[in-house]
PDB file of N, CA and C in Angstrom:
ATOM      1  N   MET A   1      -2.976   1.912  -2.666  1.00  0.00           N
ATOM      2  CA  MET A   1      -1.838   1.043  -2.729  1.00  0.00           C
ATOM      3  C   MET A   1      -1.638   1.104  -4.576  1.00  0.00           C
ATOM      4  N   GLU A   2      -0.861   0.578  -4.262  1.00  0.00           N
ATOM      5  CA  GLU A   2      -0.565   0.690  -6.051  1.00  0.00           C
ATOM      6  C   GLU A   2      -0.898  -0.801  -6.692  1.00  0.00           C
ATOM      7  N   LYS A   3      -1.680  -0.872  -8.124  1.00  0.00           N
ATOM      8  CA  LYS A   3      -2.235  -2.098  -8.268  1.00  0.00           C
ATOM      9  C   LYS A   3      -1.545  -2.512  -9.655  1.00  0.00           C
ATOM     10  N   LYS A   4      -0.617  -2.936  -9.973  1.00  0.00           N
ATOM     11  CA  LYS A   4      -0.578  -3.340 -11.242  1.00  0.00           C
ATOM     12  C   LYS A   4      -0.605  -4.866 -11.497  1.00  0.00           C
ATOM     13  N   MET A   5      -1.153  -5.169 -12.144  1.00  0.00           N
ATOM     14  CA  MET A   5      -1.109  -7.080 -12.419  1.00  0.00           C
ATOM     15  C   MET A   5       0.336  -7.351 -13.104  1.00  0.00           C
ATOM     16  N   SER A   6       1.137  -8.340 -12.846  1.00  0.00           N
ATOM     17  CA  SER A   6       1.854  -9.281 -12.904  1.00  0.00           C
ATOM     18  C   SER A   6       1.273 -10.774 -13.353  1.00  0.00           C
ATOM     19  N   THR A   7       2.698 -10.976 -14.563  1.00  0.00           N
ATOM     20  CA  THR A   7       2.017 -12.356 -14.924  1.00  0.00           C
ATOM     21  C   THR A   7       2.429 -13.084 -13.722  1.00  0.00           C
ATOM     22  N   PRO A   8       1.470 -13.795 -13.543  1.00  0.00           N
ATOM     23  CA  PRO A   8       1.997 -15.162 -12.180  1.00  0.00           C
ATOM     24  C   PRO A   8       3.330 -16.216 -12.593  1.00  0.00           C
ATOM     25  N   SER A   9       3.373 -16.360 -11.369  1.00  0.00           N
ATOM     26  CA  SER A   9       4.765 -16.979 -11.633  1.00  0.00           C
ATOM     27  C   SER A   9       4.534 -18.720 -11.618  1.00  0.00           C
ATOM     28  N   SER A  10       5.609 -20.146 -11.983  1.00  0.00           N
ATOM     29  CA  SER A  10       5.010 -20.896 -12.176  1.00  0.00           C
ATOM     30  C   SER A  10       5.365 -21.985 -10.495  1.00  0.00           C
ATOM     31  N   SER A  11       5.479 -20.764  -9.411  1.00  0.00           N
ATOM     32  CA  SER A  11       5.655 -21.526  -8.093  1.00  0.00           C
ATOM     33  C   SER A  11       4.490 -20.668  -7.342  1.00  0.00           C
ATOM     34  N   ASP A  12       3.317 -20.057  -7.933  1.00  0.00           N
ATOM     35  CA  ASP A  12       1.940 -19.889  -7.055  1.00  0.00           C
ATOM     36  C   ASP A  12       1.691 -20.599  -6.556  1.00  0.00           C
ATOM     37  N   SER A  13       1.460 -20.250  -5.140  1.00  0.00           N
ATOM     38  CA  SER A  13       0.693 -21.563  -4.134  1.00  0.00           C
ATOM     39  C   SER A  13      -0.706 -20.233  -3.750  1.00  0.00           C
ATOM     40  N   ILE A  14      -1.153 -21.075  -3.328  1.00  0.00           N
ATOM     41  CA  ILE A  14      -2.587 -20.765  -2.611  1.00  0.00           C
ATOM     42  C   ILE A  14      -2.039 -20.773  -0.829  1.00  0.00           C
ATOM     43  N   ALA A  15      -3.253 -19.363  -0.981  1.00  0.00           N
ATOM     44  CA  ALA A  15      -2.490 -18.605   0.531  1.00  0.00           C
ATOM     45  C   ALA A  15      -3.548 -19.333   1.119  1.00  0.00           C
ATOM     46  N   LYS A  16      -3.381 -18.730   2.555  1.00  0.00           N
ATOM     47  CA  LYS A  16      -4.092 -19.519   3.829  1.00  0.00           C
ATOM     48  C   LYS A  16      -5.307 -19.815   3.557  1.00  0.00           C
ATOM     49  N   LYS A  17      -5.774 -20.354   3.884  1.00  0.00           N
ATOM     50  CA  LYS A  17      -7.553 -20.681   3.603  1.00  0.00           C
ATOM     51  C   LYS A  17      -8.526 -19.906   4.376  1.00  0.00           C
ATOM     52  N   GLU A  18      -8.013 -18.781   5.523  1.00  0.00           N
ATOM     53  CA  GLU A  18      -8.254 -18.288   5.645  1.00  0.00           C
ATOM     54  C   GLU A  18      -8.749 -16.730   4.727  1.00  0.00           C
ATOM     55  N   GLU A  19      -8.347 -16.778   4.121  1.00  0.00           N
ATOM     56  CA  GLU A  19      -7.685 -15.259   3.299  1.00  0.00           C
ATOM     57  C   GLU A  19      -8.450 -15.834   2.072  1.00  0.00           C
ATOM     58  N   LEU A  20     -10.041 -15.361   1.645  1.00  0.00           N
ATOM     59  CA  LEU A  20     -10.769 -15.059   0.798  1.00  0.00           C
ATOM     60  C   LEU A  20     -11.132 -13.937   0.040  1.00  0.00           C
ATOM     61  N   CYS A  21     -11.121 -13.880  -1.438  1.00  0.00           N
ATOM     62  CA  CYS A  21     -11.265 -12.494  -1.693  1.00  0.00           C
ATOM     63  C   CYS A  21     -12.713 -12.077  -2.184  1.00  0.00           C
ATOM     64  N   ASP A  22     -13.001 -11.083  -2.901  1.00  0.00           N
ATOM     65  CA  ASP A  22     -14.446 -10.156  -2.787  1.00  0.00           C
ATOM     66  C   ASP A  22     -15.183 -11.594  -3.116  1.00  0.00           C
ATOM     67  N   CYS A  23     -14.967 -12.309  -3.974  1.00  0.00           N
ATOM     68  CA  CYS A  23     -15.458 -13.430  -4.357  1.00  0.00           C
ATOM     69  C   CYS A  23     -15.727 -14.798  -3.493  1.00  0.00           C
ATOM     70  N   ARG A  24     -15.224 -14.676  -2.362  1.00  0.00           N
ATOM     71  CA  ARG A  24     -15.084 -15.812  -1.760  1.00  0.00           C
ATOM     72  C   ARG A  24     -14.534 -17.223  -1.858  1.00  0.00           C
ATOM     73  N   LEU A  25     -13.453 -16.752  -2.817  1.00  0.00           N
ATOM     74  CA  LEU A  25     -12.516 -17.828  -3.395  1.00  0.00           C
ATOM     75  C   LEU A  25     -10.805 -17.448  -2.533  1.00  0.00           C
ATOM     76  N   PRO A  26     -10.194 -18.828  -2.274  1.00  0.00           N
ATOM     77  CA  PRO A  26      -9.183 -18.672  -1.192  1.00  0.00           C
ATOM     78  C   PRO A  26      -8.053 -17.922  -2.542  1.00  0.00           C
ATOM     79  N   VAL A  27      -7.140 -16.601  -1.965  1.00  0.00           N
ATOM     80  CA  VAL A  27      -6.313 -16.217  -2.731  1.00  0.00           C
ATOM     81  C   VAL A  27      -5.177 -16.795  -3.120  1.00  0.00           C
ATOM     82  N   ARG A  28      -4.455 -16.296  -4.308  1.00  0.00           N
ATOM     83  CA  ARG A  28      -3.145 -16.861  -4.947  1.00  0.00           C
ATOM     84  C   ARG A  28      -2.394 -16.049  -4.619  1.00  0.00           C
ATOM     85  N   ILE A  29      -1.234 -16.657  -3.882  1.00  0.00           N
ATOM     86  CA  ILE A  29      -0.034 -16.013  -3.953  1.00  0.00           C
ATOM     87  C   ILE A  29       0.729 -16.024  -5.084  1.00  0.00           C
ATOM     88  N   CYS A  30       1.583 -14.893  -5.409  1.00  0.00           N
ATOM     89  CA  CYS A  30       1.851 -14.692  -6.941  1.00  0.00           C
ATOM     90  C   CYS A  30       3.188 -13.978  -6.786  1.00  0.00           C
ATOM     91  N   THR A  31       4.334 -14.146  -7.811  1.00  0.00           N
ATOM     92  CA  THR A  31       4.844 -13.466  -7.802  1.00  0.00           C
ATOM     93  C   THR A  31       5.123 -12.408  -8.853  1.00  0.00           C
ATOM     94  N   SER A  32       5.625 -11.086  -8.468  1.00  0.00           N
ATOM     95  CA  SER A  32       5.449 -10.110 -10.031  1.00  0.00           C
ATOM     96  C   SER A  32       6.993 -10.340 -10.394  1.00  0.00           C
ATOM     97  N   LYS A  33       6.574  -9.786 -12.071  1.00  0.00           N
ATOM     98  CA  LYS A  33       7.612 -10.317 -13.264  1.00  0.00           C
ATOM     99  C   LYS A  33       8.240  -8.766 -13.873  1.00  0.00           C
ATOM    100  N   THR A  34       7.397  -7.566 -12.985  1.00  0.00           N
ATOM    101  CA  THR A  34       7.802  -6.417 -13.454  1.00  0.00           C
ATOM    102  C   THR A  34       9.203  -5.919 -13.704  1.00  0.00           C
ATOM    103  N   LYS A  35       9.291  -5.035 -14.174  1.00  0.00           N
ATOM    104  CA  LYS A  35      10.545  -4.038 -14.117  1.00  0.00           C
ATOM    105  C   LYS A  35      10.859  -3.734 -12.325  1.00  0.00           C
ATOM    106  N   ASP A  36       9.360  -2.763 -12.252  1.00  0.00           N
ATOM    107  CA  ASP A  36       9.395  -1.991 -11.158  1.00  0.00           C
ATOM    108  C   ASP A  36       9.384  -2.388 -10.318  1.00  0.00           C
ATOM    109  N   ASN A  37       8.775  -3.944  -9.757  1.00  0.00           N
ATOM    110  CA  ASN A  37       8.368  -4.755  -8.604  1.00  0.00           C
ATOM    111  C   ASN A  37       8.866  -6.135  -9.056  1.00  0.00           C
ATOM    112  N   PRO A  38      10.146  -6.282  -9.390  1.00  0.00           N
ATOM    113  CA  PRO A  38      10.788  -7.614  -9.436  1.00  0.00           C
ATOM    114  C   PRO A  38      10.625  -8.564  -8.190  1.00  0.00           C
ATOM    115  N   ASN A  39      10.107  -9.903  -8.183  1.00  0.00           N
ATOM    116  CA  ASN A  39      10.054 -10.833  -7.624  1.00  0.00           C
ATOM    117  C   ASN A  39       9.056 -10.541  -6.063  1.00  0.00           C
ATOM    118  N   LYS A  40       8.662  -9.507  -6.480  1.00  0.00           N
ATOM    119  CA  LYS A  40       7.756  -8.646  -5.029  1.00  0.00           C
ATOM    120  C   LYS A  40       6.316  -9.970  -5.269  1.00  0.00           C
ATOM    121  N   LYS A  41       6.383 -10.082  -4.340  1.00  0.00           N
ATOM    122  CA  LYS A  41       4.536 -11.200  -3.990  1.00  0.00           C
ATOM    123  C   LYS A  41       3.876 -10.493  -3.973  1.00  0.00           C
ATOM    124  N   PHE A  42       2.529 -10.882  -4.425  1.00  0.00           N
ATOM    125  CA  PHE A  42       1.194 -10.282  -4.326  1.00  0.00           C
ATOM    126  C   PHE A  42       0.139 -11.498  -4.293  1.00  0.00           C
ATOM    127  N   LYS A  43      -0.809 -11.007  -3.517  1.00  0.00           N
ATOM    128  CA  LYS A  43      -2.225 -11.980  -3.171  1.00  0.00           C
ATOM    129  C   LYS A  43      -3.647 -11.485  -3.878  1.00  0.00           C
ATOM    130  N   VAL A  44      -3.720 -12.449  -4.796  1.00  0.00           N
ATOM    131  CA  VAL A  44      -4.809 -12.113  -6.321  1.00  0.00           C
ATOM    132  C   VAL A  44      -5.732 -13.162  -6.182  1.00  0.00           C
ATOM    133  N   CYS A  45      -7.362 -12.744  -6.426  1.00  0.00           N
ATOM    134  CA  CYS A  45      -8.437 -14.136  -6.892  1.00  0.00           C
ATOM    135  C   CYS A  45      -7.852 -14.259  -7.980  1.00  0.00           C
ATOM    136  N   PRO A  46      -8.074 -15.689  -7.567  1.00  0.00           N
ATOM    137  CA  PRO A  46      -8.082 -16.833  -9.312  1.00  0.00           C
ATOM    138  C   PRO A  46      -8.872 -16.232 -10.000  1.00  0.00           C
ATOM    139  N   ASN A  47     -10.078 -15.691 -10.098  1.00  0.00           N
ATOM    140  CA  ASN A  47     -10.727 -15.037 -11.097  1.00  0.00           C
ATOM    141  C   ASN A  47     -10.321 -13.977 -12.153  1.00  0.00           C
ATOM    142  N   SER A  48      -9.386 -13.055 -11.495  1.00  0.00           N
ATOM    143  CA  SER A  48      -8.483 -12.172 -11.860  1.00  0.00           C
ATOM    144  C   SER A  48      -7.445 -12.447 -12.908  1.00  0.00           C
ATOM    145  N   LEU A  49      -7.543 -13.494 -13.131  1.00  0.00           N
ATOM    146  CA  LEU A  49      -6.302 -14.437 -13.744  1.00  0.00           C
ATOM    147  C   LEU A  49      -6.655 -14.553 -15.064  1.00  0.00           C
ATOM    148  N   LYS A  50      -8.460 -14.412 -14.857  1.00  0.00           N
ATOM    149  CA  LYS A  50      -9.372 -15.304 -16.328  1.00  0.00           C
ATOM    150  C   LYS A  50     -10.372 -13.968 -16.865  1.00  0.00           C
ATOM    151  N   PRO A  51      -9.607 -13.815 -18.279  1.00  0.00           N
ATOM    152  CA  PRO A  51     -10.489 -12.859 -18.660  1.00  0.00           C
ATOM    153  C   PRO A  51     -12.039 -12.855 -18.653  1.00  0.00           C
ATOM    154  N   GLY A  52     -12.429 -11.598 -18.369  1.00  0.00           N
ATOM    155  CA  GLY A  52     -13.946 -11.165 -18.738  1.00  0.00           C
ATOM    156  C   GLY A  52     -14.452 -11.810 -16.841  1.00  0.00           C
ATOM    157  N   LYS A  53     -13.543 -11.853 -16.270  1.00  0.00           N
ATOM    158  CA  LYS A  53     -14.113 -11.917 -15.073  1.00  0.00           C
ATOM    159  C   LYS A  53     -13.968 -10.987 -13.675  1.00  0.00           C
ATOM    160  N   LYS A  54     -15.112 -10.570 -12.672  1.00  0.00           N
ATOM    161  CA  LYS A  54     -15.300  -9.305 -12.398  1.00  0.00           C
ATOM    162  C   LYS A  54     -14.292  -8.873 -10.942  1.00  0.00           C
ATOM    163  N   CYS A  55     -14.271 -10.128 -10.462  1.00  0.00           N
ATOM    164  CA  CYS A  55     -13.346  -9.619  -9.143  1.00  0.00           C
ATOM    165  C   CYS A  55     -12.101  -9.338  -9.451  1.00  0.00           C
ATOM    166  N   LYS A  56     -11.678  -8.109  -8.664  1.00  0.00           N
ATOM    167  CA  LYS A  56     -10.510  -7.228  -8.442  1.00  0.00           C
ATOM    168  C   LYS A  56      -9.458  -7.713  -7.441  1.00  0.00           C
ATOM    169  N   TYR A  57     -10.047  -8.194  -6.815  1.00  0.00           N
ATOM    170  CA  TYR A  57      -9.324  -8.480  -5.281  1.00  0.00           C
ATOM    171  C   TYR A  57      -7.768  -8.729  -5.981  1.00  0.00           C
ATOM    172  N   TRP A  58      -6.796  -7.694  -5.342  1.00  0.00           N
ATOM    173  CA  TRP A  58      -5.505  -7.330  -5.205  1.00  0.00           C
ATOM    174  C   TRP A  58      -4.579  -6.985  -4.657  1.00  0.00           C
ATOM    175  N   GLU A  59      -3.199  -7.276  -3.927  1.00  0.00           N
ATOM    176  CA  GLU A  59      -3.134  -6.897  -2.589  1.00  0.00           C
ATOM    177  C   GLU A  59      -1.466  -7.394  -2.478  1.00  0.00           C
ATOM    178  N   TRP A  60      -0.716  -6.295  -2.446  1.00  0.00           N
ATOM    179  CA  TRP A  60       0.903  -6.440  -2.389  1.00  0.00           C
ATOM    180  C   TRP A  60       1.400  -7.155  -0.961  1.00  0.00           C
ATOM    181  N   ILE A  61       2.217  -7.885  -0.856  1.00  0.00           N
ATOM    182  CA  ILE A  61       2.820  -8.889   0.346  1.00  0.00           C
ATOM    183  C   ILE A  61       3.812  -7.830   0.673  1.00  0.00           C
ATOM    184  N   ASP A  62       3.470  -6.906   2.110  1.00  0.00           N
ATOM    185  CA  ASP A  62       4.796  -6.285   1.992  1.00  0.00           C
ATOM    186  C   ASP A  62       5.229  -6.816   3.166  1.00  0.00           C
ATOM    187  N   GLU A  63       6.287  -7.678   3.188  1.00  0.00           N
ATOM    188  CA  GLU A  63       7.737  -8.331   3.451  1.00  0.00           C
ATOM    189  C   GLU A  63       8.165  -7.603   4.874  1.00  0.00           C
ATOM    190  N   PRO A  64       7.964  -8.028   6.030  1.00  0.00           N
ATOM    191  CA  PRO A  64       8.538  -7.513   6.984  1.00  0.00           C
ATOM    192  C   PRO A  64      10.387  -6.984   6.935  1.00  0.00           C
ATOM    193  N   VAL A  65      10.670  -5.962   7.623  1.00  0.00           N
ATOM    194  CA  VAL A  65      11.905  -5.928   7.211  1.00  0.00           C
ATOM    195  C   VAL A  65      12.447  -6.303   9.130  1.00  0.00           C
ATOM    196  N   THR A  66      13.132  -7.411   8.872  1.00  0.00           N
ATOM    197  CA  THR A  66      13.941  -7.927  10.235  1.00  0.00           C
ATOM    198  C   THR A  66      15.395  -8.551   9.815  1.00  0.00           C
ATOM    199  N   GLY A  67      15.914  -9.031  10.750  1.00  0.00           N
ATOM    200  CA  GLY A  67      17.178  -9.472  10.838  1.00  0.00           C
ATOM    201  C   GLY A  67      18.153  -8.344  10.695  1.00  0.00           C
ATOM    202  N   ASN A  68      17.852  -7.070   9.614  1.00  0.00           N
ATOM    203  CA  ASN A  68      18.869  -6.299   9.406  1.00  0.00           C
ATOM    204  C   ASN A  68      18.620  -4.880  10.103  1.00  0.00           C
ATOM    205  N   PRO A  69      19.627  -4.533  10.973  1.00  0.00           N
ATOM    206  CA  PRO A  69      19.659  -3.819  12.042  1.00  0.00           C
ATOM    207  C   PRO A  69      19.789  -1.974  11.405  1.00  0.00           C
ATOM    208  N   ASP A  70      20.545  -2.316  10.553  1.00  0.00           N
ATOM    209  CA  ASP A  70      20.703  -0.993   9.756  1.00  0.00           C
ATOM    210  C   ASP A  70      19.447  -0.460   8.997  1.00  0.00           C
ATOM    211  N   LEU A  71      18.448  -2.013   8.354  1.00  0.00           N
ATOM    212  CA  LEU A  71      17.547  -1.122   7.573  1.00  0.00           C
ATOM    213  C   LEU A  71      16.378  -0.831   8.956  1.00  0.00           C
ATOM    214  N   GLU A  72      16.057  -1.537   9.925  1.00  0.00           N
ATOM    215  CA  GLU A  72      15.308  -1.302  11.243  1.00  0.00           C
ATOM    216  C   GLU A  72      15.530  -0.134  11.475  1.00  0.00           C
ATOM    217  N   GLN A  73      16.663   0.662  11.961  1.00  0.00           N
ATOM    218  CA  GLN A  73      17.014   1.541  12.233  1.00  0.00           C
ATOM    219  C   GLN A  73      16.688   2.379  11.593  1.00  0.00           C
ATOM    220  N   GLU A  74      16.944   2.772  10.018  1.00  0.00           N
ATOM    221  CA  GLU A  74      16.464   3.382   9.091  1.00  0.00           C
ATOM    222  C   GLU A  74      15.227   3.792   8.858  1.00  0.00           C
ATOM    223  N   LEU A  75      14.586   2.634   8.937  1.00  0.00           N
ATOM    224  CA  LEU A  75      13.141   2.638   9.109  1.00  0.00           C
ATOM    225  C   LEU A  75      12.288   3.074  10.450  1.00  0.00           C
ATOM    226  N   GLU A  76      13.157   2.853  11.451  1.00  0.00           N
ATOM    227  CA  GLU A  76      12.225   3.890  12.473  1.00  0.00           C
ATOM    228  C   GLU A  76      12.451   5.590  12.521  1.00  0.00           C
ATOM    229  N   ALA A  77      13.893   5.895  11.701  1.00  0.00           N
ATOM    230  CA  ALA A  77      13.897   7.167  11.484  1.00  0.00           C
ATOM    231  C   ALA A  77      13.274   7.809  10.459  1.00  0.00           C
ATOM    232  N   VAL A  78      12.823   6.980   9.457  1.00  0.00           N
ATOM    233  CA  VAL A  78      11.104   7.495   8.542  1.00  0.00           C
ATOM    234  C   VAL A  78      10.263   7.804   8.877  1.00  0.00           C
ATOM    235  N   LYS A  79       9.968   6.501   9.954  1.00  0.00           N
ATOM    236  CA  LYS A  79       8.677   6.418  10.469  1.00  0.00           C
ATOM    237  C   LYS A  79       8.398   8.252  11.391  1.00  0.00           C
ATOM    238  N   GLU A  80       9.698   8.258  12.289  1.00  0.00           N
ATOM    239  CA  GLU A  80      10.090   9.387  13.082  1.00  0.00           C
ATOM    240  C   GLU A  80       9.478  10.621  11.750  1.00  0.00           C
ATOM    241  N   ASP A  81      10.430  10.487  11.175  1.00  0.00           N
ATOM    242  CA  ASP A  81      10.757  11.992  10.089  1.00  0.00           C
ATOM    243  C   ASP A  81       9.053  12.596   9.370  1.00  0.00           C
ATOM    244  N   VAL A  82       8.265  11.327   9.107  1.00  0.00           N
ATOM    245  CA  VAL A  82       7.160  11.369   8.497  1.00  0.00           C
ATOM    246  C   VAL A  82       5.975  11.861   9.719  1.00  0.00           C
ATOM    247  N   ALA A  83       6.388  11.600  11.151  1.00  0.00           N
ATOM    248  CA  ALA A  83       5.030  11.921  12.125  1.00  0.00           C
ATOM    249  C   ALA A  83       5.819  13.333  12.244  1.00  0.00           C
ATOM    250  N   CYS A  84       6.809  13.984  12.172  1.00  0.00           N
ATOM    251  CA  CYS A  84       7.088  15.535  12.231  1.00  0.00           C
ATOM    252  C   CYS A  84       6.673  16.160  11.028  1.00  0.00           C
ATOM    253  N   LEU A  85       7.109  16.079   9.811  1.00  0.00           N
ATOM    254  CA  LEU A  85       6.144  16.420   8.848  1.00  0.00           C
ATOM    255  C   LEU A  85       4.868  16.372   8.964  1.00  0.00           C
ATOM    256  N   LYS A  86       3.584  15.161   9.396  1.00  0.00           N
ATOM    257  CA  LYS A  86       2.543  15.474   9.395  1.00  0.00           C
ATOM    258  C   LYS A  86       2.290  16.847  10.594  1.00  0.00           C
ATOM    259  N   LYS A  87       2.961  16.194  11.432  1.00  0.00           N
ATOM    260  CA  LYS A  87       2.791  17.678  12.341  1.00  0.00           C
ATOM    261  C   LYS A  87       2.854  18.875  12.000  1.00  0.00           C
ATOM    262  N   GLU A  88       3.493  19.390  11.020  1.00  0.00           N
ATOM    263  CA  GLU A  88       4.383  20.194  10.198  1.00  0.00           C
ATOM    264  C   GLU A  88       3.113  20.496   9.296  1.00  0.00           C
ATOM    265  N   VAL A  89       2.583  19.664   8.800  1.00  0.00           N
ATOM    266  CA  VAL A  89       1.153  20.089   7.723  1.00  0.00           C
ATOM    267  C   VAL A  89       0.357  20.786   8.713  1.00  0.00           C
ATOM    268  N   GLN A  90       0.161  19.911   9.393  1.00  0.00           N
ATOM    269  CA  GLN A  90      -1.215  20.450  10.429  1.00  0.00           C
ATOM    270  C   GLN A  90      -0.936  21.926  10.940  1.00  0.00           C
ATOM    271  N   GLU A  91      -0.234  21.841  11.375  1.00  0.00           N
ATOM    272  CA  GLU A  91       0.784  23.805  12.253  1.00  0.00           C
ATOM    273  C   GLU A  91       0.436  24.495  10.820  1.00  0.00           C
ATOM    274  N   LEU A  92       0.469  24.183   9.805  1.00  0.00           N
ATOM    275  CA  LEU A  92       0.442  25.180   8.363  1.00  0.00           C
ATOM    276  C   LEU A  92      -0.552  25.338   8.204  1.00  0.00           C
ATOM    277  N   LYS A  93      -1.452  23.852   8.240  1.00  0.00           N
ATOM    278  CA  LYS A  93      -2.451  24.303   7.960  1.00  0.00           C
ATOM    279  C   LYS A  93      -3.443  25.087   8.921  1.00  0.00           C
ATOM    280  N   ASN A  94      -3.277  25.108  10.048  1.00  0.00           N
ATOM    281  CA  ASN A  94      -3.735  25.550  11.403  1.00  0.00           C
ATOM    282  C   ASN A  94      -3.647  27.139  11.076  1.00  0.00           C
ATOM    283  N   LYS A  95      -2.439  27.377  10.603  1.00  0.00           N
ATOM    284  CA  LYS A  95      -2.144  28.942  10.311  1.00  0.00           C
ATOM    285  C   LYS A  95      -2.260  29.545   9.055  1.00  0.00           C
ATOM    286  N   ALA A  96      -2.682  28.851   8.269  1.00  0.00           N
ATOM    287  CA  ALA A  96      -3.771  29.004   6.380  1.00  0.00           C
ATOM    288  C   ALA A  96      -4.618  29.317   7.548  1.00  0.00           C
ATOM    289  N   HIS A  97      -5.841  28.602   8.073  1.00  0.00           N
ATOM    290  CA  HIS A  97      -6.766  28.604   8.250  1.00  0.00           C
ATOM    291  C   HIS A  97      -7.269  29.845   9.373  1.00  0.00           C
ATOM    292  N   SER A  98      -6.452  30.519  10.197  1.00  0.00           N
ATOM    293  CA  SER A  98      -6.290  31.536  10.477  1.00  0.00           C
ATOM    294  C   SER A  98      -6.047  32.627   9.838  1.00  0.00           C
ATOM    295  N   TYR A  99      -5.138  32.695   9.122  1.00  0.00           N
ATOM    296  CA  TYR A  99      -5.367  34.043   7.974  1.00  0.00           C
ATOM    297  C   TYR A  99      -6.017  34.136   7.136  1.00  0.00           C
ATOM    298  N   ARG A 100      -7.019  32.649   6.834  1.00  0.00           N
ATOM    299  CA  ARG A 100      -8.325  32.547   6.265  1.00  0.00           C
ATOM    300  C   ARG A 100      -9.403  33.529   7.187  1.00  0.00           C
ATOM    301  N   VAL A 101      -9.856  33.401   8.069  1.00  0.00           N
ATOM    302  CA  VAL A 101     -10.400  33.325   9.085  1.00  0.00           C
ATOM    303  C   VAL A 101     -10.383  35.432   9.324  1.00  0.00           C
ATOM    304  N   GLU A 102      -8.509  35.675   9.693  1.00  0.00           N
ATOM    305  CA  GLU A 102      -8.479  37.113   9.797  1.00  0.00           C
ATOM    306  C   GLU A 102      -8.486  38.028   8.876  1.00  0.00           C
ATOM    307  N   ILE A 103      -8.130  37.181   7.432  1.00  0.00           N
ATOM    308  CA  ILE A 103      -8.765  38.337   6.285  1.00  0.00           C
ATOM    309  C   ILE A 103      -9.955  38.353   6.096  1.00  0.00           C
ATOM    310  N   SER A 104     -10.912  37.129   5.746  1.00  0.00           N
ATOM    311  CA  SER A 104     -12.754  37.228   6.067  1.00  0.00           C
ATOM    312  C   SER A 104     -13.024  38.613   7.093  1.00  0.00           C
ATOM    313  N   CYS A 105     -12.643  38.223   8.441  1.00  0.00           N
ATOM    314  CA  CYS A 105     -12.728  39.697   9.120  1.00  0.00           C
ATOM    315  C   CYS A 105     -12.413  40.902   8.869  1.00  0.00           C
ATOM    316  N   ASN A 106     -11.443  41.008   8.027  1.00  0.00           N
ATOM    317  CA  ASN A 106     -10.963  42.344   7.609  1.00  0.00           C
ATOM    318  C   ASN A 106     -11.679  42.835   6.391  1.00  0.00           C
ATOM    319  N   ILE A 107     -12.534  41.860   5.776  1.00  0.00           N
ATOM    320  CA  ILE A 107     -13.075  42.434   4.510  1.00  0.00           C
ATOM    321  C   ILE A 107     -14.310  42.554   5.084  1.00  0.00           C
ATOM    322  N   ILE A 108     -15.019  42.422   5.836  1.00  0.00           N
ATOM    323  CA  ILE A 108     -16.387  42.563   6.396  1.00  0.00           C
ATOM    324  C   ILE A 108     -16.509  43.696   7.240  1.00  0.00           C
TER     325      ILE A 108
END
């Protein structure tokens, strides 16, 4: 999870009461004002906005991709690609392990 502090917007709101930070306070929802993440929402402990406070609770709010069939289809394609790549990486790791075993047996 990438963590960058952003200046809270004037439209800060308190998140649902059941969402608490590490120091047991209701988290706040803020809006990022950074160049890399403009207008992206994040949750933060109210104490983290005060200098010298110790609570480091901070989390991006991932907004669901709904209502746009093209984006939903593209997201599913990316998920499939990731699953295939994970499988390929595991196969390569297994192959590398078998080569290491074979080499170590030949050395002995």
